[in-house]
Amino acid sequence: MFTIGQTAEKVGINIGAIRFYERKGLLDTVERDSNNNCLYSDYDINWLLFIRCLRETGMSLEEIQRYYELVKEGVGTLPERTELVQAQRAKLLADIEEKKRQMIRLEEKLERYYRGENY
């Protein structure tokens, strides 16, 4: 079990983000120690890592909340969850392709500058 500080460090987010996700209902009630401090399990850390991944790919909090509700409903929701993750993957792939196009344009511009062209 890990303190909130240890959890934040392991996940790579700040303590405020963990508390925010708790307020949004994205973390179930965690265990507490004898001093009433929250303790987080490996499961909690893995879930927070996945939330971070989803956020970094641009998934909205509302979509993550929907996904989490499906997780809590059990394996019967695997097809729906699969669709959500596939849709997010498709968005990410489209973003990657756009970034590649942008990189090409920047490289072309730099090549012109290296040749001494002014445009």
PDB file of N, CA and C in Angstrom:
ATOM      1  N   MET A   1       0.847  -1.178   0.000  1.00  0.00           N
ATOM      2  CA  MET A   1       0.000   0.000   0.000  1.00  0.00           C
ATOM      3  C   MET A   1       0.897   1.247   0.000  1.00  0.00           C
ATOM      4  N   PHE A   2       0.386   2.302  -0.613  1.00  0.00           N
ATOM      5  CA  PHE A   2       1.188   3.506  -0.814  1.00  0.00           C
ATOM      6  C   PHE A   2       0.429   4.740  -0.342  1.00  0.00           C
ATOM      7  N   THR A   3       1.165   5.704   0.188  1.00  0.00           N
ATOM      8  CA  THR A   3       0.569   6.983   0.584  1.00  0.00           C
ATOM      9  C   THR A   3       0.203   7.756  -0.679  1.00  0.00           C
ATOM     10  N   ILE A   4      -0.527   8.842  -0.502  1.00  0.00           N
ATOM     11  CA  ILE A   4      -0.903   9.659  -1.654  1.00  0.00           C
ATOM     12  C   ILE A   4       0.342  10.261  -2.321  1.00  0.00           C
ATOM     13  N   GLY A   5       1.331  10.641  -1.520  1.00  0.00           N
ATOM     14  CA  GLY A   5       2.564  11.184  -2.080  1.00  0.00           C
ATOM     15  C   GLY A   5       3.324  10.150  -2.895  1.00  0.00           C
ATOM     16  N   GLN A   6       3.436   8.941  -2.361  1.00  0.00           N
ATOM     17  CA  GLN A   6       4.104   7.863  -3.093  1.00  0.00           C
ATOM     18  C   GLN A   6       3.351   7.521  -4.368  1.00  0.00           C
ATOM     19  N   THR A   7       2.033   7.520  -4.267  1.00  0.00           N
ATOM     20  CA  THR A   7       1.202   7.213  -5.431  1.00  0.00           C
ATOM     21  C   THR A   7       1.385   8.278  -6.506  1.00  0.00           C
ATOM     22  N   ALA A   8       1.352   9.529  -6.099  1.00  0.00           N
ATOM     23  CA  ALA A   8       1.541  10.622  -7.058  1.00  0.00           C
ATOM     24  C   ALA A   8       2.885  10.487  -7.765  1.00  0.00           C
ATOM     25  N   GLU A   9       3.912  10.144  -7.004  1.00  0.00           N
ATOM     26  CA  GLU A   9       5.250   9.992  -7.592  1.00  0.00           C
ATOM     27  C   GLU A   9       5.280   8.824  -8.573  1.00  0.00           C
ATOM     28  N   LYS A  10       4.707   7.690  -8.193  1.00  0.00           N
ATOM     29  CA  LYS A  10       4.696   6.519  -9.062  1.00  0.00           C
ATOM     30  C   LYS A  10       3.926   6.772 -10.358  1.00  0.00           C
ATOM     31  N   VAL A  11       2.836   7.529 -10.263  1.00  0.00           N
ATOM     32  CA  VAL A  11       1.983   7.774 -11.422  1.00  0.00           C
ATOM     33  C   VAL A  11       2.511   8.936 -12.272  1.00  0.00           C
ATOM     34  N   GLY A  12       3.245   9.840 -11.633  1.00  0.00           N
ATOM     35  CA  GLY A  12       3.758  10.995 -12.358  1.00  0.00           C
ATOM     36  C   GLY A  12       2.753  12.125 -12.457  1.00  0.00           C
ATOM     37  N   ILE A  13       1.890  12.216 -11.457  1.00  0.00           N
ATOM     38  CA  ILE A  13       0.932  13.318 -11.378  1.00  0.00           C
ATOM     39  C   ILE A  13       1.035  13.925  -9.987  1.00  0.00           C
ATOM     40  N   ASN A  14       0.399  15.060  -9.785  1.00  0.00           N
ATOM     41  CA  ASN A  14       0.493  15.659  -8.453  1.00  0.00           C
ATOM     42  C   ASN A  14      -0.655  15.181  -7.561  1.00  0.00           C
ATOM     43  N   ILE A  15      -0.488  15.422  -6.287  1.00  0.00           N
ATOM     44  CA  ILE A  15      -1.475  14.997  -5.285  1.00  0.00           C
ATOM     45  C   ILE A  15      -2.836  15.622  -5.590  1.00  0.00           C
ATOM     46  N   GLY A  16      -2.836  16.869  -6.022  1.00  0.00           N
ATOM     47  CA  GLY A  16      -4.092  17.539  -6.351  1.00  0.00           C
ATOM     48  C   GLY A  16      -4.861  16.818  -7.443  1.00  0.00           C
ATOM     49  N   ALA A  17      -4.144  16.259  -8.407  1.00  0.00           N
ATOM     50  CA  ALA A  17      -4.805  15.516  -9.487  1.00  0.00           C
ATOM     51  C   ALA A  17      -5.480  14.263  -8.938  1.00  0.00           C
ATOM     52  N   ILE A  18      -4.805  13.588  -8.018  1.00  0.00           N
ATOM     53  CA  ILE A  18      -5.407  12.388  -7.417  1.00  0.00           C
ATOM     54  C   ILE A  18      -6.677  12.764  -6.670  1.00  0.00           C
ATOM     55  N   ARG A  19      -6.602  13.821  -5.906  1.00  0.00           N
ATOM     56  CA  ARG A  19      -7.797  14.256  -5.164  1.00  0.00           C
ATOM     57  C   ARG A  19      -8.911  14.681  -6.118  1.00  0.00           C
ATOM     58  N   PHE A  20      -8.534  15.332  -7.215  1.00  0.00           N
ATOM     59  CA  PHE A  20      -9.512  15.729  -8.232  1.00  0.00           C
ATOM     60  C   PHE A  20     -10.211  14.497  -8.810  1.00  0.00           C
ATOM     61  N   TYR A  21      -9.436  13.482  -9.152  1.00  0.00           N
ATOM     62  CA  TYR A  21     -10.034  12.256  -9.697  1.00  0.00           C
ATOM     63  C   TYR A  21     -10.933  11.586  -8.667  1.00  0.00           C
ATOM     64  N   GLU A  22     -10.548  11.647  -7.400  1.00  0.00           N
ATOM     65  CA  GLU A  22     -11.410  11.099  -6.351  1.00  0.00           C
ATOM     66  C   GLU A  22     -12.731  11.851  -6.287  1.00  0.00           C
ATOM     67  N   ARG A  23     -12.665  13.192  -6.331  1.00  0.00           N
ATOM     68  CA  ARG A  23     -13.895  14.001  -6.284  1.00  0.00           C
ATOM     69  C   ARG A  23     -14.788  13.727  -7.494  1.00  0.00           C
ATOM     70  N   LYS A  24     -14.179  13.441  -8.639  1.00  0.00           N
ATOM     71  CA  LYS A  24     -14.939  13.154  -9.855  1.00  0.00           C
ATOM     72  C   LYS A  24     -15.484  11.727  -9.887  1.00  0.00           C
ATOM     73  N   GLY A  25     -15.165  10.941  -8.853  1.00  0.00           N
ATOM     74  CA  GLY A  25     -15.669   9.576  -8.784  1.00  0.00           C
ATOM     75  C   GLY A  25     -14.882   8.590  -9.624  1.00  0.00           C
ATOM     76  N   LEU A  26     -13.649   8.943  -9.965  1.00  0.00           N
ATOM     77  CA  LEU A  26     -12.835   8.064 -10.791  1.00  0.00           C
ATOM     78  C   LEU A  26     -11.958   7.114  -9.984  1.00  0.00           C
ATOM     79  N   LEU A  27     -12.024   7.232  -8.683  1.00  0.00           N
ATOM     80  CA  LEU A  27     -11.326   6.301  -7.787  1.00  0.00           C
ATOM     81  C   LEU A  27     -12.308   5.864  -6.720  1.00  0.00           C
ATOM     82  N   ASP A  28     -12.381   4.568  -6.516  1.00  0.00           N
ATOM     83  CA  ASP A  28     -13.219   4.065  -5.431  1.00  0.00           C
ATOM     84  C   ASP A  28     -12.601   4.450  -4.100  1.00  0.00           C
ATOM     85  N   THR A  29     -13.367   4.295  -3.062  1.00  0.00           N
ATOM     86  CA  THR A  29     -12.871   4.573  -1.720  1.00  0.00           C
ATOM     87  C   THR A  29     -11.633   3.737  -1.471  1.00  0.00           C
ATOM     88  N   VAL A  30     -10.594   4.401  -1.012  1.00  0.00           N
ATOM     89  CA  VAL A  30      -9.341   3.701  -0.741  1.00  0.00           C
ATOM     90  C   VAL A  30      -9.267   3.347   0.740  1.00  0.00           C
ATOM     91  N   GLU A  31      -8.334   2.460   1.045  1.00  0.00           N
ATOM     92  CA  GLU A  31      -8.123   2.088   2.448  1.00  0.00           C
ATOM     93  C   GLU A  31      -7.484   3.251   3.191  1.00  0.00           C
ATOM     94  N   ARG A  32      -7.575   3.182   4.502  1.00  0.00           N
ATOM     95  CA  ARG A  32      -6.958   4.213   5.337  1.00  0.00           C
ATOM     96  C   ARG A  32      -6.107   3.545   6.402  1.00  0.00           C
ATOM     97  N   ASP A  33      -5.038   4.239   6.797  1.00  0.00           N
ATOM     98  CA  ASP A  33      -4.182   3.708   7.855  1.00  0.00           C
ATOM     99  C   ASP A  33      -4.718   4.141   9.213  1.00  0.00           C
ATOM    100  N   SER A  34      -3.987   3.834  10.271  1.00  0.00           N
ATOM    101  CA  SER A  34      -4.449   4.136  11.617  1.00  0.00           C
ATOM    102  C   SER A  34      -4.561   5.640  11.886  1.00  0.00           C
ATOM    103  N   ASN A  35      -3.878   6.453  11.073  1.00  0.00           N
ATOM    104  CA  ASN A  35      -3.965   7.914  11.196  1.00  0.00           C
ATOM    105  C   ASN A  35      -4.996   8.508  10.230  1.00  0.00           C
ATOM    106  N   ASN A  36      -5.787   7.644   9.601  1.00  0.00           N
ATOM    107  CA  ASN A  36      -6.827   8.031   8.662  1.00  0.00           C
ATOM    108  C   ASN A  36      -6.277   8.602   7.350  1.00  0.00           C
ATOM    109  N   ASN A  37      -5.010   8.290   7.043  1.00  0.00           N
ATOM    110  CA  ASN A  37      -4.435   8.693   5.760  1.00  0.00           C
ATOM    111  C   ASN A  37      -4.811   7.685   4.689  1.00  0.00           C
ATOM    112  N   CYS A  38      -5.095   8.176   3.497  1.00  0.00           N
ATOM    113  CA  CYS A  38      -5.444   7.293   2.390  1.00  0.00           C
ATOM    114  C   CYS A  38      -4.261   6.424   1.993  1.00  0.00           C
ATOM    115  N   LEU A  39      -4.572   5.182   1.675  1.00  0.00           N
ATOM    116  CA  LEU A  39      -3.572   4.247   1.170  1.00  0.00           C
ATOM    117  C   LEU A  39      -4.047   3.719  -0.173  1.00  0.00           C
ATOM    118  N   TYR A  40      -3.133   3.661  -1.125  1.00  0.00           N
ATOM    119  CA  TYR A  40      -3.466   3.261  -2.486  1.00  0.00           C
ATOM    120  C   TYR A  40      -2.779   1.950  -2.820  1.00  0.00           C
ATOM    121  N   SER A  41      -3.506   1.098  -3.526  1.00  0.00           N
ATOM    122  CA  SER A  41      -3.000  -0.227  -3.890  1.00  0.00           C
ATOM    123  C   SER A  41      -2.340  -0.179  -5.271  1.00  0.00           C
ATOM    124  N   ASP A  42      -1.731  -1.297  -5.640  1.00  0.00           N
ATOM    125  CA  ASP A  42      -1.180  -1.421  -6.984  1.00  0.00           C
ATOM    126  C   ASP A  42      -2.292  -1.251  -8.025  1.00  0.00           C
ATOM    127  N   TYR A  43      -3.483  -1.778  -7.722  1.00  0.00           N
ATOM    128  CA  TYR A  43      -4.623  -1.613  -8.628  1.00  0.00           C
ATOM    129  C   TYR A  43      -4.930  -0.131  -8.825  1.00  0.00           C
ATOM    130  N   ASP A  44      -4.964   0.636  -7.738  1.00  0.00           N
ATOM    131  CA  ASP A  44      -5.230   2.075  -7.832  1.00  0.00           C
ATOM    132  C   ASP A  44      -4.172   2.767  -8.686  1.00  0.00           C
ATOM    133  N   ILE A  45      -2.917   2.389  -8.469  1.00  0.00           N
ATOM    134  CA  ILE A  45      -1.826   2.999  -9.239  1.00  0.00           C
ATOM    135  C   ILE A  45      -1.978   2.661 -10.718  1.00  0.00           C
ATOM    136  N   ASN A  46      -2.270   1.413 -11.031  1.00  0.00           N
ATOM    137  CA  ASN A  46      -2.456   1.038 -12.443  1.00  0.00           C
ATOM    138  C   ASN A  46      -3.634   1.774 -13.062  1.00  0.00           C
ATOM    139  N   TRP A  47      -4.708   1.940 -12.318  1.00  0.00           N
ATOM    140  CA  TRP A  47      -5.862   2.662 -12.825  1.00  0.00           C
ATOM    141  C   TRP A  47      -5.509   4.134 -13.054  1.00  0.00           C
ATOM    142  N   LEU A  48      -4.795   4.741 -12.119  1.00  0.00           N
ATOM    143  CA  LEU A  48      -4.379   6.132 -12.284  1.00  0.00           C
ATOM    144  C   LEU A  48      -3.441   6.292 -13.474  1.00  0.00           C
ATOM    145  N   LEU A  49      -2.565   5.324 -13.693  1.00  0.00           N
ATOM    146  CA  LEU A  49      -1.693   5.361 -14.867  1.00  0.00           C
ATOM    147  C   LEU A  49      -2.511   5.318 -16.151  1.00  0.00           C
ATOM    148  N   PHE A  50      -3.583   4.514 -16.140  1.00  0.00           N
ATOM    149  CA  PHE A  50      -4.426   4.434 -17.333  1.00  0.00           C
ATOM    150  C   PHE A  50      -5.224   5.722 -17.518  1.00  0.00           C
ATOM    151  N   ILE A  51      -5.707   6.303 -16.421  1.00  0.00           N
ATOM    152  CA  ILE A  51      -6.382   7.607 -16.525  1.00  0.00           C
ATOM    153  C   ILE A  51      -5.426   8.618 -17.148  1.00  0.00           C
ATOM    154  N   ARG A  52      -4.204   8.645 -16.650  1.00  0.00           N
ATOM    155  CA  ARG A  52      -3.204   9.575 -17.193  1.00  0.00           C
ATOM    156  C   ARG A  52      -2.999   9.330 -18.687  1.00  0.00           C
ATOM    157  N   CYS A  53      -2.893   8.070 -19.074  1.00  0.00           N
ATOM    158  CA  CYS A  53      -2.742   7.725 -20.483  1.00  0.00           C
ATOM    159  C   CYS A  53      -3.923   8.243 -21.294  1.00  0.00           C
ATOM    160  N   LEU A  54      -5.127   7.980 -20.820  1.00  0.00           N
ATOM    161  CA  LEU A  54      -6.320   8.419 -21.539  1.00  0.00           C
ATOM    162  C   LEU A  54      -6.369   9.940 -21.662  1.00  0.00           C
ATOM    163  N   ARG A  55      -6.041  10.635 -20.581  1.00  0.00           N
ATOM    164  CA  ARG A  55      -6.027  12.111 -20.611  1.00  0.00           C
ATOM    165  C   ARG A  55      -4.986  12.618 -21.599  1.00  0.00           C
ATOM    166  N   GLU A  56      -3.808  11.982 -21.609  1.00  0.00           N
ATOM    167  CA  GLU A  56      -2.748  12.408 -22.515  1.00  0.00           C
ATOM    168  C   GLU A  56      -3.102  12.168 -23.974  1.00  0.00           C
ATOM    169  N   THR A  57      -4.005  11.231 -24.224  1.00  0.00           N
ATOM    170  CA  THR A  57      -4.456  11.003 -25.597  1.00  0.00           C
ATOM    171  C   THR A  57      -5.651  11.879 -25.952  1.00  0.00           C
ATOM    172  N   GLY A  58      -6.085  12.694 -24.997  1.00  0.00           N
ATOM    173  CA  GLY A  58      -7.152  13.641 -25.276  1.00  0.00           C
ATOM    174  C   GLY A  58      -8.544  13.198 -24.877  1.00  0.00           C
ATOM    175  N   MET A  59      -8.664  12.085 -24.186  1.00  0.00           N
ATOM    176  CA  MET A  59     -10.001  11.650 -23.772  1.00  0.00           C
ATOM    177  C   MET A  59     -10.526  12.594 -22.695  1.00  0.00           C
ATOM    178  N   SER A  60     -11.791  12.953 -22.824  1.00  0.00           N
ATOM    179  CA  SER A  60     -12.407  13.860 -21.857  1.00  0.00           C
ATOM    180  C   SER A  60     -12.685  13.140 -20.544  1.00  0.00           C
ATOM    181  N   LEU A  61     -12.843  13.931 -19.489  1.00  0.00           N
ATOM    182  CA  LEU A  61     -13.187  13.348 -18.187  1.00  0.00           C
ATOM    183  C   LEU A  61     -14.521  12.628 -18.252  1.00  0.00           C
ATOM    184  N   GLU A  62     -15.449  13.181 -19.020  1.00  0.00           N
ATOM    185  CA  GLU A  62     -16.764  12.543 -19.137  1.00  0.00           C
ATOM    186  C   GLU A  62     -16.640  11.155 -19.765  1.00  0.00           C
ATOM    187  N   GLU A  63     -15.790  11.044 -20.793  1.00  0.00           N
ATOM    188  CA  GLU A  63     -15.590   9.746 -21.435  1.00  0.00           C
ATOM    189  C   GLU A  63     -14.894   8.774 -20.487  1.00  0.00           C
ATOM    190  N   ILE A  64     -13.940   9.274 -19.711  1.00  0.00           N
ATOM    191  CA  ILE A  64     -13.256   8.419 -18.742  1.00  0.00           C
ATOM    192  C   ILE A  64     -14.231   7.969 -17.662  1.00  0.00           C
ATOM    193  N   GLN A  65     -15.098   8.873 -17.233  1.00  0.00           N
ATOM    194  CA  GLN A  65     -16.107   8.497 -16.239  1.00  0.00           C
ATOM    195  C   GLN A  65     -17.018   7.411 -16.792  1.00  0.00           C
ATOM    196  N   ARG A  66     -17.415   7.552 -18.049  1.00  0.00           N
ATOM    197  CA  ARG A  66     -18.261   6.528 -18.684  1.00  0.00           C
ATOM    198  C   ARG A  66     -17.522   5.191 -18.724  1.00  0.00           C
ATOM    199  N   TYR A  67     -16.272   5.238 -19.124  1.00  0.00           N
ATOM    200  CA  TYR A  67     -15.455   4.033 -19.182  1.00  0.00           C
ATOM    201  C   TYR A  67     -15.381   3.382 -17.794  1.00  0.00           C
ATOM    202  N   TYR A  68     -15.146   4.193 -16.770  1.00  0.00           N
ATOM    203  CA  TYR A  68     -15.005   3.667 -15.406  1.00  0.00           C
ATOM    204  C   TYR A  68     -16.310   3.041 -14.919  1.00  0.00           C
ATOM    205  N   GLU A  69     -17.416   3.659 -15.250  1.00  0.00           N
ATOM    206  CA  GLU A  69     -18.712   3.068 -14.886  1.00  0.00           C
ATOM    207  C   GLU A  69     -18.859   1.691 -15.530  1.00  0.00           C
ATOM    208  N   LEU A  70     -18.432   1.577 -16.771  1.00  0.00           N
ATOM    209  CA  LEU A  70     -18.495   0.282 -17.456  1.00  0.00           C
ATOM    210  C   LEU A  70     -17.582  -0.741 -16.788  1.00  0.00           C
ATOM    211  N   VAL A  71     -16.389  -0.312 -16.385  1.00  0.00           N
ATOM    212  CA  VAL A  71     -15.461  -1.206 -15.686  1.00  0.00           C
ATOM    213  C   VAL A  71     -16.136  -1.754 -14.430  1.00  0.00           C
ATOM    214  N   LYS A  72     -16.776  -0.879 -13.676  1.00  0.00           N
ATOM    215  CA  LYS A  72     -17.402  -1.297 -12.420  1.00  0.00           C
ATOM    216  C   LYS A  72     -18.584  -2.237 -12.656  1.00  0.00           C
ATOM    217  N   GLU A  73     -19.179  -2.174 -13.857  1.00  0.00           N
ATOM    218  CA  GLU A  73     -20.294  -3.076 -14.166  1.00  0.00           C
ATOM    219  C   GLU A  73     -19.826  -4.496 -14.460  1.00  0.00           C
ATOM    220  N   GLY A  74     -18.564  -4.665 -14.783  1.00  0.00           N
ATOM    221  CA  GLY A  74     -18.020  -6.014 -14.974  1.00  0.00           C
ATOM    222  C   GLY A  74     -17.736  -6.393 -16.413  1.00  0.00           C
ATOM    223  N   VAL A  75     -17.391  -7.664 -16.572  1.00  0.00           N
ATOM    224  CA  VAL A  75     -16.927  -8.163 -17.870  1.00  0.00           C
ATOM    225  C   VAL A  75     -17.989  -8.094 -18.959  1.00  0.00           C
ATOM    226  N   GLY A  76     -19.233  -8.007 -18.585  1.00  0.00           N
ATOM    227  CA  GLY A  76     -20.292  -7.904 -19.588  1.00  0.00           C
ATOM    228  C   GLY A  76     -20.182  -6.642 -20.429  1.00  0.00           C
ATOM    229  N   THR A  77     -19.414  -5.688 -19.957  1.00  0.00           N
ATOM    230  CA  THR A  77     -19.258  -4.419 -20.687  1.00  0.00           C
ATOM    231  C   THR A  77     -17.972  -4.380 -21.521  1.00  0.00           C
ATOM    232  N   LEU A  78     -17.274  -5.504 -21.613  1.00  0.00           N
ATOM    233  CA  LEU A  78     -16.028  -5.518 -22.384  1.00  0.00           C
ATOM    234  C   LEU A  78     -16.211  -5.030 -23.821  1.00  0.00           C
ATOM    235  N   PRO A  79     -17.280  -5.423 -24.517  1.00  0.00           N
ATOM    236  CA  PRO A  79     -17.429  -4.917 -25.887  1.00  0.00           C
ATOM    237  C   PRO A  79     -17.532  -3.385 -25.953  1.00  0.00           C
ATOM    238  N   GLU A  80     -18.279  -2.793 -25.030  1.00  0.00           N
ATOM    239  CA  GLU A  80     -18.401  -1.335 -25.005  1.00  0.00           C
ATOM    240  C   GLU A  80     -17.080  -0.665 -24.672  1.00  0.00           C
ATOM    241  N   ARG A  81     -16.379  -1.229 -23.700  1.00  0.00           N
ATOM    242  CA  ARG A  81     -15.080  -0.664 -23.319  1.00  0.00           C
ATOM    243  C   ARG A  81     -14.087  -0.787 -24.460  1.00  0.00           C
ATOM    244  N   THR A  82     -14.145  -1.925 -25.138  1.00  0.00           N
ATOM    245  CA  THR A  82     -13.261  -2.126 -26.292  1.00  0.00           C
ATOM    246  C   THR A  82     -13.523  -1.059 -27.345  1.00  0.00           C
ATOM    247  N   GLU A  83     -14.790  -0.773 -27.599  1.00  0.00           N
ATOM    248  CA  GLU A  83     -15.141   0.263 -28.576  1.00  0.00           C
ATOM    249  C   GLU A  83     -14.606   1.629 -28.159  1.00  0.00           C
ATOM    250  N   LEU A  84     -14.736   1.955 -26.870  1.00  0.00           N
ATOM    251  CA  LEU A  84     -14.234   3.244 -26.388  1.00  0.00           C
ATOM    252  C   LEU A  84     -12.726   3.365 -26.569  1.00  0.00           C
ATOM    253  N   VAL A  85     -12.006   2.299 -26.219  1.00  0.00           N
ATOM    254  CA  VAL A  85     -10.551   2.336 -26.347  1.00  0.00           C
ATOM    255  C   VAL A  85     -10.154   2.350 -27.821  1.00  0.00           C
ATOM    256  N   GLN A  86     -10.847   1.593 -28.656  1.00  0.00           N
ATOM    257  CA  GLN A  86     -10.547   1.605 -30.093  1.00  0.00           C
ATOM    258  C   GLN A  86     -10.794   2.988 -30.697  1.00  0.00           C
ATOM    259  N   ALA A  87     -11.863   3.638 -30.279  1.00  0.00           N
ATOM    260  CA  ALA A  87     -12.156   4.984 -30.784  1.00  0.00           C
ATOM    261  C   ALA A  87     -11.072   5.961 -30.358  1.00  0.00           C
ATOM    262  N   GLN A  88     -10.607   5.827 -29.118  1.00  0.00           N
ATOM    263  CA  GLN A  88      -9.543   6.714 -28.650  1.00  0.00           C
ATOM    264  C   GLN A  88      -8.245   6.436 -29.402  1.00  0.00           C
ATOM    265  N   ARG A  89      -7.988   5.172 -29.666  1.00  0.00           N
ATOM    266  CA  ARG A  89      -6.796   4.809 -30.442  1.00  0.00           C
ATOM    267  C   ARG A  89      -6.869   5.410 -31.841  1.00  0.00           C
ATOM    268  N   ALA A  90      -8.046   5.363 -32.452  1.00  0.00           N
ATOM    269  CA  ALA A  90      -8.208   5.936 -33.792  1.00  0.00           C
ATOM    270  C   ALA A  90      -7.957   7.447 -33.778  1.00  0.00           C
ATOM    271  N   LYS A  91      -8.461   8.124 -32.732  1.00  0.00           N
ATOM    272  CA  LYS A  91      -8.209   9.569 -32.604  1.00  0.00           C
ATOM    273  C   LYS A  91      -6.721   9.847 -32.454  1.00  0.00           C
ATOM    274  N   LEU A  92      -6.060   9.032 -31.639  1.00  0.00           N
ATOM    275  CA  LEU A  92      -4.628   9.210 -31.417  1.00  0.00           C
ATOM    276  C   LEU A  92      -3.842   8.977 -32.706  1.00  0.00           C
ATOM    277  N   LEU A  93      -4.202   7.946 -33.448  1.00  0.00           N
ATOM    278  CA  LEU A  93      -3.526   7.688 -34.722  1.00  0.00           C
ATOM    279  C   LEU A  93      -3.716   8.847 -35.699  1.00  0.00           C
ATOM    280  N   ALA A  94      -4.914   9.423 -35.716  1.00  0.00           N
ATOM    281  CA  ALA A  94      -5.165  10.581 -36.581  1.00  0.00           C
ATOM    282  C   ALA A  94      -4.309  11.765 -36.130  1.00  0.00           C
ATOM    283  N   ASP A  95      -4.202  11.952 -34.815  1.00  0.00           N
ATOM    284  CA  ASP A  95      -3.356  13.023 -34.275  1.00  0.00           C
ATOM    285  C   ASP A  95      -1.896  12.810 -34.660  1.00  0.00           C
ATOM    286  N   ILE A  96      -1.434  11.574 -34.592  1.00  0.00           N
ATOM    287  CA  ILE A  96      -0.051  11.258 -34.955  1.00  0.00           C
ATOM    288  C   ILE A  96       0.190  11.579 -36.424  1.00  0.00           C
ATOM    289  N   GLU A  97      -0.757  11.210 -37.270  1.00  0.00           N
ATOM    290  CA  GLU A  97      -0.612  11.494 -38.706  1.00  0.00           C
ATOM    291  C   GLU A  97      -0.562  12.997 -38.948  1.00  0.00           C
ATOM    292  N   GLU A  98      -1.392  13.745 -38.246  1.00  0.00           N
ATOM    293  CA  GLU A  98      -1.375  15.204 -38.392  1.00  0.00           C
ATOM    294  C   GLU A  98      -0.039  15.767 -37.914  1.00  0.00           C
ATOM    295  N   LYS A  99       0.470  15.265 -36.813  1.00  0.00           N
ATOM    296  CA  LYS A  99       1.772  15.721 -36.301  1.00  0.00           C
ATOM    297  C   LYS A  99       2.878  15.396 -37.303  1.00  0.00           C
ATOM    298  N   LYS A 100       2.796  14.240 -37.959  1.00  0.00           N
ATOM    299  CA  LYS A 100       3.789  13.888 -38.983  1.00  0.00           C
ATOM    300  C   LYS A 100       3.752  14.900 -40.139  1.00  0.00           C
ATOM    301  N   ARG A 101       2.531  15.265 -40.561  1.00  0.00           N
ATOM    302  CA  ARG A 101       2.396  16.257 -41.643  1.00  0.00           C
ATOM    303  C   ARG A 101       2.982  17.601 -41.210  1.00  0.00           C
ATOM    304  N   GLN A 102       2.723  17.978 -39.976  1.00  0.00           N
ATOM    305  CA  GLN A 102       3.267  19.229 -39.455  1.00  0.00           C
ATOM    306  C   GLN A 102       4.795  19.183 -39.400  1.00  0.00           C
ATOM    307  N   MET A 103       5.338  18.043 -39.008  1.00  0.00           N
ATOM    308  CA  MET A 103       6.788  17.894 -38.948  1.00  0.00           C
ATOM    309  C   MET A 103       7.401  18.029 -40.337  1.00  0.00           C
ATOM    310  N   ILE A 104       6.775  17.437 -41.319  1.00  0.00           N
ATOM    311  CA  ILE A 104       7.268  17.543 -42.697  1.00  0.00           C
ATOM    312  C   ILE A 104       7.302  19.002 -43.136  1.00  0.00           C
ATOM    313  N   ARG A 105       6.240  19.740 -42.853  1.00  0.00           N
ATOM    314  CA  ARG A 105       6.195  21.159 -43.228  1.00  0.00           C
ATOM    315  C   ARG A 105       7.307  21.949 -42.534  1.00  0.00           C
ATOM    316  N   LEU A 106       7.534  21.673 -41.253  1.00  0.00           N
ATOM    317  CA  LEU A 106       8.607  22.356 -40.534  1.00  0.00           C
ATOM    318  C   LEU A 106       9.976  22.001 -41.118  1.00  0.00           C
ATOM    319  N   GLU A 107      10.179  20.735 -41.434  1.00  0.00           N
ATOM    320  CA  GLU A 107      11.449  20.304 -42.023  1.00  0.00           C
ATOM    321  C   GLU A 107      11.671  20.978 -43.383  1.00  0.00           C
ATOM    322  N   GLU A 108      10.599  21.069 -44.172  1.00  0.00           N
ATOM    323  CA  GLU A 108      10.709  21.734 -45.473  1.00  0.00           C
ATOM    324  C   GLU A 108      11.096  23.201 -45.297  1.00  0.00           C
ATOM    325  N   LYS A 109      10.480  23.856 -44.335  1.00  0.00           N
ATOM    326  CA  LYS A 109      10.790  25.263 -44.069  1.00  0.00           C
ATOM    327  C   LYS A 109      12.252  25.410 -43.647  1.00  0.00           C
ATOM    328  N   LEU A 110      12.703  24.543 -42.751  1.00  0.00           N
ATOM    329  CA  LEU A 110      14.092  24.608 -42.306  1.00  0.00           C
ATOM    330  C   LEU A 110      15.064  24.386 -43.460  1.00  0.00           C
ATOM    331  N   GLU A 111      14.752  23.447 -44.332  1.00  0.00           N
ATOM    332  CA  GLU A 111      15.614  23.199 -45.493  1.00  0.00           C
ATOM    333  C   GLU A 111      15.737  24.457 -46.352  1.00  0.00           C
ATOM    334  N   ARG A 112      14.635  25.178 -46.547  1.00  0.00           N
ATOM    335  CA  ARG A 112      14.688  26.432 -47.314  1.00  0.00           C
ATOM    336  C   ARG A 112      15.591  27.443 -46.613  1.00  0.00           C
ATOM    337  N   TYR A 113      15.440  27.530 -45.287  1.00  0.00           N
ATOM    338  CA  TYR A 113      16.268  28.477 -44.537  1.00  0.00           C
ATOM    339  C   TYR A 113      17.737  28.088 -44.613  1.00  0.00           C
ATOM    340  N   TYR A 114      18.026  26.804 -44.536  1.00  0.00           N
ATOM    341  CA  TYR A 114      19.424  26.358 -44.615  1.00  0.00           C
ATOM    342  C   TYR A 114      20.026  26.676 -45.984  1.00  0.00           C
ATOM    343  N   ARG A 115      19.175  26.714 -47.024  1.00  0.00           N
ATOM    344  CA  ARG A 115      19.644  27.069 -48.361  1.00  0.00           C
ATOM    345  C   ARG A 115      19.717  28.577 -48.555  1.00  0.00           C
ATOM    346  N   GLY A 116      19.317  29.327 -47.546  1.00  0.00           N
ATOM    347  CA  GLY A 116      19.364  30.775 -47.618  1.00  0.00           C
ATOM    348  C   GLY A 116      18.149  31.430 -48.239  1.00  0.00           C
ATOM    349  N   GLU A 117      17.092  30.653 -48.426  1.00  0.00           N
ATOM    350  CA  GLU A 117      15.864  31.216 -48.989  1.00  0.00           C
ATOM    351  C   GLU A 117      15.115  31.963 -47.898  1.00  0.00           C
ATOM    352  N   ASN A 118      14.409  32.971 -48.289  1.00  0.00           N
ATOM    353  CA  ASN A 118      13.761  33.863 -47.312  1.00  0.00           C
ATOM    354  C   ASN A 118      12.302  33.534 -47.061  1.00  0.00           C
ATOM    355  N   TYR A 119      11.803  32.463 -47.567  1.00  0.00           N
ATOM    356  CA  TYR A 119      10.364  32.157 -47.369  1.00  0.00           C
ATOM    357  C   TYR A 119      10.152  30.765 -46.872  1.00  0.00           C
TER     358      TYR A 119
END
